[in-house]
Amino acid sequence: MGFFDKMFSGLTKTRKNIEELEEVFRNYDIDSEDFYDELEEMLIMADVGGETTAQIMMDYKRILLRRYINKGKAAKDAGHARQYGHKAQA
């Protein structure tokens, strides 16, 4: 397998993981423990690592609690705001 084949394969896996992650945000209410279970599983499956996943989950819950967000789309926006340093629209 050549360099470009490996690159394409890796990008295909990344795209699939992102699509699955977006599905979690669309289909779950963040008040549900299922939301957090699915999000945590997605991070682990994406090879983020256990310690990093735990830190992301703790930070994410803290952000969501502060902003009283209760829908997946708003939760996704809050995560992007945290990542890029912008305020999420509530």
Protein backbone atom coordinates (compact mmCIF):
# COMPACT_ATOMS: atom_id res chain seq x y z
CA MET A 1 0.00 0.00 0.00
CA GLY A 2 1.48 3.30 -1.10
CA PHE A 3 1.57 6.61 0.70
CA PHE A 4 -1.51 8.02 -1.02
CA ASP A 5 -3.48 4.82 -0.43
CA LYS A 6 -2.70 5.04 3.28
CA MET A 7 -3.62 8.73 3.32
CA PHE A 8 -6.93 8.07 1.55
CA SER A 9 -7.74 5.19 3.88
CA GLY A 10 -7.04 7.35 6.94
CA LEU A 11 -9.15 10.22 5.64
CA THR A 12 -12.01 7.84 4.85
CA LYS A 13 -11.93 6.54 8.44
CA THR A 14 -11.84 10.11 9.79
CA ARG A 15 -14.82 11.14 7.64
CA LYS A 16 -16.80 8.11 8.84
CA ASN A 17 -16.02 8.95 12.48
CA ILE A 18 -17.09 12.57 12.01
CA GLU A 19 -20.35 11.50 10.36
CA GLU A 20 -21.08 9.14 13.26
CA LEU A 21 -20.25 11.87 15.77
CA GLU A 22 -22.63 14.30 14.08
CA GLU A 23 -25.33 11.62 14.22
CA VAL A 24 -24.88 11.41 18.01
CA PHE A 25 -25.45 15.18 18.29
CA ARG A 26 -28.54 15.02 16.08
CA ASN A 27 -30.18 12.00 17.68
CA TYR A 28 -29.64 12.35 21.42
CA ASP A 29 -30.87 14.77 24.05
CA ILE A 30 -27.88 15.88 26.11
CA ASP A 31 -29.90 15.30 29.29
CA SER A 32 -29.73 11.61 28.42
CA GLU A 33 -26.91 9.48 29.77
CA ASP A 34 -27.00 7.73 26.37
CA PHE A 35 -25.70 10.95 24.79
CA TYR A 36 -22.62 10.94 26.99
CA ASP A 37 -22.08 7.20 26.58
CA GLU A 38 -22.22 7.49 22.79
CA LEU A 39 -19.97 10.56 22.75
CA GLU A 40 -17.41 8.89 24.99
CA GLU A 41 -17.47 5.73 22.87
CA MET A 42 -16.96 7.77 19.70
CA LEU A 43 -13.93 9.53 21.18
CA ILE A 44 -12.39 6.25 22.27
CA MET A 45 -13.06 4.64 18.88
CA ALA A 46 -11.35 7.65 17.26
CA ASP A 47 -8.17 6.75 19.20
CA VAL A 48 -8.26 9.94 21.24
CA GLY A 49 -7.05 8.03 24.29
CA GLY A 50 -8.60 7.31 27.68
CA GLU A 51 -7.15 10.21 29.64
CA THR A 52 -7.88 12.74 26.91
CA THR A 53 -11.41 11.38 26.47
CA ALA A 54 -12.06 11.71 30.20
CA GLN A 55 -10.82 15.32 30.17
CA ILE A 56 -12.91 16.18 27.10
CA MET A 57 -16.03 14.65 28.68
CA MET A 58 -15.50 16.54 31.96
CA ASP A 59 -14.89 19.85 30.16
CA TYR A 60 -17.82 19.32 27.84
CA LYS A 61 -20.26 18.59 30.69
CA ARG A 62 -19.03 21.69 32.50
CA ILE A 63 -19.59 23.87 29.43
CA LEU A 64 -23.06 22.47 28.86
CA LEU A 65 -24.12 22.91 32.45
CA ARG A 66 -22.96 26.53 32.46
CA ARG A 67 -24.95 27.39 29.40
CA TYR A 68 -28.10 25.36 30.21
CA ILE A 69 -28.09 23.79 26.79
CA ASN A 70 -30.59 21.00 26.18
CA LYS A 71 -30.45 20.03 22.51
CA GLY A 72 -27.81 18.26 20.42
CA LYS A 73 -27.28 21.06 17.88
CA ALA A 74 -26.71 23.60 20.64
CA ALA A 75 -24.33 21.17 22.34
CA LYS A 76 -22.37 20.79 19.11
CA ASP A 77 -22.14 24.59 18.75
CA ALA A 78 -20.90 24.88 22.35
CA GLY A 79 -18.19 22.32 21.63
CA HIS A 80 -17.06 24.22 18.54
CA ALA A 81 -17.07 27.46 20.52
CA ARG A 82 -14.84 25.87 23.17
CA GLN A 83 -12.50 24.53 20.53
CA TYR A 84 -12.20 27.79 18.58
CA GLY A 85 -12.58 30.29 21.43
CA HIS A 86 -15.93 31.75 20.29
CA LYS A 87 -19.14 32.16 22.23
CA ALA A 88 -21.85 29.63 21.38
CA GLN A 89 -25.27 30.87 20.46
CA ALA A 90 -27.76 29.66 23.06
